[in-house]
Amino acid sequence: MKKRFIGLPEIVFIVFSSVFLSVIFIYLSLVTPVSFENKWKEVKIPEGSTFSHGISILKKEGIIKNEFVFFILSRITRTDRRLRAGYYNLNTSMSHWEVFDHLRKGMIIQYAITVPEGSTLEDIKLKLKSLNLIDDNSWQLVTSKDFLAFLNVDAPSLEGYLYPDTYNLAKGADPKDIFRMMIQKLRENFDQSLKEKAKKLGMNENEILTLASIIEKEAQVDSERPIISAVYHNRLRKKMRLQADPTVVYGIKRISNGITKSDLRKDTPYNTYVKEGLPPGPIASPGIKSIKAALYPADVGYIYFVSKNDGTHYFSRTSEEHINAVMLYQRNNNGDTSEKKTGN
């Protein structure tokens, strides 16, 4: 009996059939979910995880069931060379392709947090804690001398260095990375050209940020920022105390902006009615407008200003003019409250 050899047509058919069945298998694996329970899970991919480790985690969590398909896709798309760490919000009813697409795009859980100009550390702490991005222990970083030195921050804390902006922060992010990101944003805006200007004024980064933070708290109208800056520059030049009300409020950690005459006499490092020169550090996070105002004061001779109670101020060159302005604009104040009044 003669042996029958498989001919070329049969070989082609077998190969074609195998490839066709493999494609069908892969396609069905891609579009078919693990289950139809519609159950959401937060799956954490740790920092430094390899792609194979990440796939193993997904299988263990019941998000996928066919690791082989993922490896093929990852090789074709070269995704196996990178895998973004973080928390992924995935559903057991998602197809393998949908899960893979989330991994490929690094669609981790993120929170958008906006830090407005003039925010204090306490304001920022409340926002970060509300989303469990920091706890009381990790918050100690903002006053850690080692961490401040690592960031090249020559100040008592990170007050004023966490730049006001909107940040997309990943769930589970290292608090150190969060603070580094915010300080990096500050130095992208307070760039080398502005630092050179600070040197010409004989001031360092901390001094400019401190002055800018006071301007941020005083100014409500952008056009007044350089003028308010000029008042403080003039007072510093004349060796006069700044007498800035926001520094007094910061020093006594009062939520309200209202202060009394007794507050003005309290001996805190931030009370510029008692202490000469600038406070030891910023009192809030200044925006770029206030930073530039601190660097480029208006060319005016004012050394006093008082609130006109409409968001603007009256500026004076002499104490007599200032006293008259205080009587005019603050005469309706009751008690011994001082409201945004620089100078006696």
Protein backbone atom coordinates (compact mmCIF):
# COMPACT_ATOMS: atom_id res chain seq x y z
CA MET A 1 0.00 0.00 0.00
CA LYS A 2 1.48 3.33 -1.04
CA LYS A 3 1.90 6.09 1.54
CA ARG A 4 0.06 9.27 0.68
CA PHE A 5 2.10 12.41 1.15
CA ILE A 6 0.49 15.72 2.07
CA GLY A 7 0.73 18.00 -0.87
CA LEU A 8 1.24 21.73 -1.03
CA PRO A 9 -2.48 22.54 -1.26
CA GLU A 10 -3.15 20.57 1.91
CA ILE A 11 -0.28 22.33 3.73
CA VAL A 12 -1.56 25.73 2.64
CA PHE A 13 -5.06 24.80 3.78
CA ILE A 14 -3.82 23.62 7.18
CA VAL A 15 -1.71 26.74 7.72
CA PHE A 16 -4.52 29.01 6.54
CA SER A 17 -7.01 27.24 8.78
CA SER A 18 -4.69 27.47 11.77
CA VAL A 19 -4.09 31.17 11.22
CA PHE A 20 -7.80 31.79 10.65
CA LEU A 21 -8.79 29.92 13.81
CA SER A 22 -6.07 31.74 15.78
CA VAL A 23 -7.36 35.09 14.55
CA ILE A 24 -10.92 34.12 15.45
CA PHE A 25 -9.74 32.98 18.89
CA ILE A 26 -7.82 36.21 19.52
CA TYR A 27 -10.72 38.33 18.26
CA LEU A 28 -13.23 36.57 20.47
CA SER A 29 -10.84 36.88 23.43
CA LEU A 30 -10.52 40.60 22.77
CA VAL A 31 -14.23 41.37 22.55
CA THR A 32 -15.52 38.95 25.17
CA PRO A 33 -15.51 40.18 28.80
CA VAL A 34 -14.68 38.02 31.79
CA SER A 35 -18.27 38.34 32.99
CA PHE A 36 -21.37 40.46 32.54
CA GLU A 37 -21.71 41.37 36.23
CA ASN A 38 -20.79 45.02 35.61
CA LYS A 39 -18.60 45.10 38.73
CA TRP A 40 -16.11 47.97 39.09
CA LYS A 41 -12.76 47.46 40.75
CA GLU A 42 -9.84 49.75 41.55
CA VAL A 43 -6.74 47.83 40.58
CA LYS A 44 -3.36 49.13 41.75
CA ILE A 45 -0.32 48.68 39.51
CA PRO A 46 2.68 49.34 41.78
CA GLU A 47 5.55 51.61 40.79
CA GLY A 48 8.21 49.75 38.81
CA SER A 49 5.92 46.86 37.82
CA THR A 50 6.81 44.99 34.66
CA PHE A 51 4.10 44.43 32.08
CA SER A 52 3.92 40.73 32.92
CA HIS A 53 3.52 41.58 36.61
CA GLY A 54 0.73 44.01 35.78
CA ILE A 55 -1.06 41.40 33.69
CA SER A 56 -0.78 38.90 36.53
CA ILE A 57 -2.39 41.42 38.89
CA LEU A 58 -5.28 41.97 36.46
CA LYS A 59 -5.87 38.23 36.15
CA LYS A 60 -5.74 37.76 39.92
CA GLU A 61 -8.31 40.56 40.34
CA GLY A 62 -10.60 38.84 37.82
CA ILE A 63 -10.41 41.63 35.23
CA ILE A 64 -8.94 39.42 32.48
CA LYS A 65 -8.66 35.69 31.91
CA ASN A 66 -6.41 35.38 28.84
CA GLU A 67 -2.87 36.58 29.50
CA PHE A 68 -1.62 35.29 26.14
CA VAL A 69 -3.76 37.76 24.19
CA PHE A 70 -2.40 40.65 26.24
CA PHE A 71 1.18 39.63 25.59
CA ILE A 72 0.56 39.47 21.84
CA LEU A 73 -1.05 42.93 21.86
CA SER A 74 1.71 44.36 24.01
CA ARG A 75 4.39 43.05 21.68
CA ILE A 76 2.66 44.36 18.58
CA THR A 77 2.11 47.82 20.11
CA ARG A 78 5.40 47.74 22.08
CA THR A 79 3.41 48.46 25.23
CA ASP A 80 5.34 45.74 27.04
CA ARG A 81 8.16 48.24 27.46
CA ARG A 82 6.17 50.57 29.68
CA LEU A 83 3.28 50.39 32.12
CA ARG A 84 2.10 53.42 34.05
CA ALA A 85 1.85 52.85 37.77
CA GLY A 86 -1.29 53.89 39.63
CA TYR A 87 -4.89 52.94 40.29
CA TYR A 88 -7.01 51.82 37.32
CA ASN A 89 -10.79 51.86 37.58
CA LEU A 90 -11.80 48.73 35.63
CA ASN A 91 -14.98 46.71 35.15
CA THR A 92 -15.28 42.94 34.90
CA SER A 93 -17.70 43.46 31.99
CA MET A 94 -15.06 45.32 29.97
CA SER A 95 -13.63 43.48 26.99
CA HIS A 96 -9.94 42.56 26.98
CA TRP A 97 -9.36 45.22 24.35
CA GLU A 98 -11.00 47.91 26.53
CA VAL A 99 -8.83 46.89 29.49
CA PHE A 100 -5.74 46.87 27.29
CA ASP A 101 -6.63 50.32 25.94
CA HIS A 102 -6.83 51.67 29.51
CA LEU A 103 -3.36 50.27 30.22
CA ARG A 104 -1.93 51.47 26.92
CA LYS A 105 -3.15 55.02 27.53
CA GLY A 106 -2.20 54.98 31.23
CA MET A 107 -5.76 55.91 32.24
CA ILE A 108 -5.15 55.90 35.98
CA ILE A 109 -7.48 57.54 38.52
CA GLN A 110 -6.58 61.22 38.87
CA TYR A 111 -8.01 64.17 40.76
CA ALA A 112 -8.01 67.71 39.41
CA ILE A 113 -7.09 70.07 42.25
CA THR A 114 -7.08 73.84 41.83
CA VAL A 115 -4.92 75.96 44.13
CA PRO A 116 -6.10 79.60 43.82
CA GLU A 117 -3.74 82.55 44.24
CA GLY A 118 -3.42 83.51 47.89
CA SER A 119 -3.98 79.97 49.20
CA THR A 120 -2.20 79.12 52.44
CA LEU A 121 -0.69 75.78 53.38
CA GLU A 122 -3.75 75.09 55.51
CA ASP A 123 -6.01 75.67 52.50
CA ILE A 124 -3.95 73.27 50.40
CA LYS A 125 -3.79 70.71 53.20
CA LEU A 126 -7.60 70.56 53.42
CA LYS A 127 -7.90 69.90 49.68
CA LEU A 128 -5.24 67.18 49.62
CA LYS A 129 -6.58 65.48 52.76
CA SER A 130 -10.15 65.46 51.45
CA LEU A 131 -8.96 63.18 48.62
CA ASN A 132 -6.67 61.09 50.85
CA LEU A 133 -3.61 62.26 48.92
CA ILE A 134 -1.83 63.13 52.17
CA ASP A 135 -2.26 62.34 55.86
CA ASP A 136 -1.05 64.07 59.01
CA ASN A 137 2.22 62.17 58.88
CA SER A 138 3.12 62.95 55.27
CA TRP A 139 2.05 66.58 55.77
CA GLN A 140 5.03 67.00 58.07
CA LEU A 141 7.12 67.18 54.90
CA VAL A 142 6.12 70.83 54.45
CA THR A 143 8.23 71.77 57.49
CA SER A 144 10.89 69.06 57.26
CA LYS A 145 14.33 70.70 57.18
CA ASP A 146 15.78 67.78 55.21
CA PHE A 147 13.01 67.90 52.61
CA LEU A 148 13.24 71.69 52.35
CA ALA A 149 17.00 71.43 51.83
CA PHE A 150 16.49 68.72 49.19
CA LEU A 151 14.14 71.08 47.32
CA ASN A 152 16.55 74.00 47.77
CA VAL A 153 13.95 75.95 49.72
CA ASP A 154 15.50 78.39 52.18
CA ALA A 155 12.38 79.12 54.22
CA PRO A 156 10.63 77.93 57.41
CA SER A 157 8.18 75.80 55.37
CA LEU A 158 6.74 75.28 51.90
CA GLU A 159 4.33 78.16 52.52
CA GLY A 160 4.33 80.27 49.34
CA TYR A 161 6.27 77.69 47.31
CA LEU A 162 3.30 75.54 46.25
CA TYR A 163 2.42 77.39 43.08
CA PRO A 164 -1.25 78.29 42.47
CA ASP A 165 -2.48 76.29 39.47
CA THR A 166 -4.65 73.30 38.55
CA TYR A 167 -2.96 69.93 39.01
CA ASN A 168 -3.96 66.43 37.93
CA LEU A 169 -2.81 64.26 40.82
CA ALA A 170 -2.84 60.49 40.63
CA LYS A 171 -4.54 58.51 43.36
CA GLY A 172 -1.87 56.98 45.59
CA ALA A 173 0.79 59.45 44.42
CA ASP A 174 3.77 59.91 46.71
CA PRO A 175 3.26 63.19 48.65
CA LYS A 176 6.89 64.05 47.93
CA ASP A 177 6.14 63.89 44.21
CA ILE A 178 3.08 66.10 44.68
CA PHE A 179 5.07 68.80 46.45
CA ARG A 180 7.94 68.52 43.95
CA MET A 181 5.49 68.99 41.07
CA MET A 182 4.02 72.14 42.61
CA ILE A 183 7.44 73.63 43.33
CA GLN A 184 8.62 72.76 39.82
CA LYS A 185 5.62 74.71 38.49
CA LEU A 186 6.67 77.66 40.65
CA ARG A 187 10.19 77.64 39.24
CA GLU A 188 8.93 77.29 35.69
CA ASN A 189 7.12 80.59 36.21
CA PHE A 190 9.64 82.24 38.54
CA ASP A 191 12.29 81.51 35.92
CA GLN A 192 15.94 82.46 35.54
CA SER A 193 15.19 85.85 33.97
CA LEU A 194 13.07 86.81 36.98
CA LYS A 195 15.71 85.49 39.37
CA GLU A 196 18.26 87.73 37.66
CA LYS A 197 15.95 90.66 38.27
CA ALA A 198 15.72 89.67 41.95
CA LYS A 199 19.53 89.72 42.18
CA LYS A 200 19.59 93.25 40.79
CA LEU A 201 17.22 94.25 43.58
CA GLY A 202 19.51 92.57 46.12
CA MET A 203 16.80 90.04 47.03
CA ASN A 204 16.71 86.24 46.99
CA GLU A 205 13.91 83.85 46.02
CA ASN A 206 12.43 83.65 49.51
CA GLU A 207 12.38 87.42 49.95
CA ILE A 208 10.64 87.98 46.61
CA LEU A 209 8.07 85.28 47.34
CA THR A 210 7.49 86.73 50.81
CA LEU A 211 6.88 90.21 49.44
CA ALA A 212 4.77 88.80 46.59
CA SER A 213 2.61 86.88 49.07
CA ILE A 214 1.87 90.09 50.99
CA ILE A 215 0.98 91.85 47.73
CA GLU A 216 -1.27 88.89 46.85
CA LYS A 217 -3.16 89.27 50.11
CA GLU A 218 -3.44 93.07 49.84
CA ALA A 219 -4.31 93.57 46.16
CA GLN A 220 -7.75 92.97 44.74
CA VAL A 221 -7.20 95.00 41.57
CA ASP A 222 -4.37 93.96 39.25
CA SER A 223 -3.43 97.54 38.40
CA GLU A 224 -2.65 98.20 42.07
CA ARG A 225 -0.17 95.34 42.50
CA PRO A 226 2.91 97.32 41.31
CA ILE A 227 1.82 100.34 43.39
CA ILE A 228 1.39 98.28 46.57
CA SER A 229 4.77 96.73 45.79
CA ALA A 230 6.27 100.21 45.52
CA VAL A 231 4.92 101.15 48.96
CA TYR A 232 6.68 98.19 50.55
CA HIS A 233 9.91 98.69 48.58
CA ASN A 234 9.93 102.34 49.63
CA ARG A 235 9.35 101.45 53.28
CA LEU A 236 12.12 98.83 53.20
CA ARG A 237 14.47 101.37 51.63
CA LYS A 238 13.61 103.94 54.32
CA LYS A 239 14.02 101.32 57.11
CA MET A 240 10.34 101.70 57.99
CA ARG A 241 8.31 98.78 59.28
CA LEU A 242 6.04 97.32 56.62
CA GLN A 243 2.95 97.39 58.87
CA ALA A 244 1.11 94.94 56.61
CA ASP A 245 -2.11 93.68 58.17
CA PRO A 246 -2.09 90.27 56.39
CA THR A 247 1.19 89.37 58.09
CA VAL A 248 -0.39 90.04 61.49
CA VAL A 249 -3.34 87.78 60.62
CA TYR A 250 -0.97 85.04 59.48
CA GLY A 251 1.13 85.33 62.62
CA ILE A 252 -1.81 84.77 64.94
CA LYS A 253 -3.33 82.06 62.66
CA ARG A 254 -6.70 83.76 62.55
CA ILE A 255 -9.21 82.73 59.90
CA SER A 256 -10.82 86.17 59.72
CA ASN A 257 -8.94 89.08 58.13
CA GLY A 258 -10.15 91.45 60.83
CA ILE A 259 -7.55 92.43 63.42
CA THR A 260 -7.56 94.57 66.52
CA LYS A 261 -5.08 97.04 67.96
CA SER A 262 -4.07 94.41 70.51
CA ASP A 263 -3.27 92.04 67.63
CA LEU A 264 -0.94 94.66 66.17
CA ARG A 265 1.12 94.56 69.37
CA LYS A 266 1.53 90.77 69.48
CA ASP A 267 5.16 89.76 69.15
CA THR A 268 5.15 87.10 66.44
CA PRO A 269 7.85 86.57 63.78
CA TYR A 270 5.30 87.65 61.16
CA ASN A 271 4.01 90.82 62.82
CA THR A 272 5.44 93.56 60.59
CA TYR A 273 4.06 96.19 62.97
CA VAL A 274 6.54 94.91 65.56
CA LYS A 275 9.33 93.37 63.47
CA GLU A 276 11.46 95.26 60.98
CA GLY A 277 11.93 94.09 57.42
CA LEU A 278 10.23 91.17 55.72
CA PRO A 279 8.77 88.20 57.64
CA PRO A 280 10.85 84.97 57.66
CA GLY A 281 8.84 83.49 54.79
CA PRO A 282 5.75 83.88 52.61
CA ILE A 283 2.28 84.02 54.13
CA ALA A 284 0.48 82.47 51.12
CA SER A 285 1.05 81.22 47.57
CA PRO A 286 1.47 84.23 45.26
CA GLY A 287 0.55 84.09 41.58
CA ILE A 288 2.86 85.25 38.81
CA LYS A 289 1.22 88.73 38.73
CA SER A 290 2.19 89.36 42.34
CA ILE A 291 5.66 87.87 41.82
CA LYS A 292 6.26 90.21 38.90
CA ALA A 293 4.83 93.12 40.89
CA ALA A 294 7.34 92.38 43.67
CA LEU A 295 10.13 92.44 41.09
CA TYR A 296 8.88 95.46 39.14
CA PRO A 297 7.39 98.02 41.57
CA ALA A 298 5.80 101.15 40.17
CA ASP A 299 7.97 104.26 40.10
CA VAL A 300 6.02 106.18 42.73
CA GLY A 301 6.88 107.74 46.07
CA TYR A 302 3.99 106.38 48.12
CA ILE A 303 4.72 104.96 51.57
CA TYR A 304 1.16 104.61 52.89
CA PHE A 305 -2.13 103.18 51.67
CA VAL A 306 -5.56 102.59 53.13
CA SER A 307 -8.54 100.59 51.90
CA LYS A 308 -11.35 102.54 50.28
CA ASN A 309 -13.68 99.63 51.11
CA ASP A 310 -14.43 98.94 47.45
CA GLY A 311 -11.45 96.71 46.62
CA THR A 312 -9.15 99.63 45.84
CA HIS A 313 -6.81 101.74 47.99
CA TYR A 314 -5.89 105.34 48.55
CA PHE A 315 -2.12 105.90 48.40
CA SER A 316 -0.25 108.66 50.22
CA ARG A 317 3.27 110.11 50.29
CA THR A 318 3.07 111.81 53.69
CA SER A 319 1.78 110.80 57.11
CA GLU A 320 -0.53 113.83 57.19
CA GLU A 321 -2.15 112.86 53.90
CA HIS A 322 -2.45 109.28 55.11
CA ILE A 323 -4.12 110.27 58.39
CA ASN A 324 -6.69 112.28 56.48
CA ALA A 325 -7.34 109.32 54.17
CA VAL A 326 -7.80 106.99 57.13
CA MET A 327 -10.30 109.40 58.69
CA LEU A 328 -12.14 109.66 55.36
CA TYR A 329 -12.31 105.99 54.43
CA GLN A 330 -12.20 104.25 57.81
CA ARG A 331 -14.26 106.60 59.97
CA ASN A 332 -17.28 104.29 59.80
CA ASN A 333 -15.32 101.37 61.31
CA ASN A 334 -16.46 100.41 64.78
CA GLY A 335 -14.22 99.43 67.68
CA ASP A 336 -10.47 99.18 67.32
CA THR A 337 -10.41 97.19 64.06
CA SER A 338 -7.72 98.00 61.49
CA GLU A 339 -8.56 97.20 57.88
CA LYS A 340 -5.73 96.99 55.33
CA LYS A 341 -4.02 100.10 56.61
CA THR A 342 -0.31 100.53 56.03
CA GLY A 343 1.26 103.20 58.22
CA ASN A 344 0.19 104.98 61.39
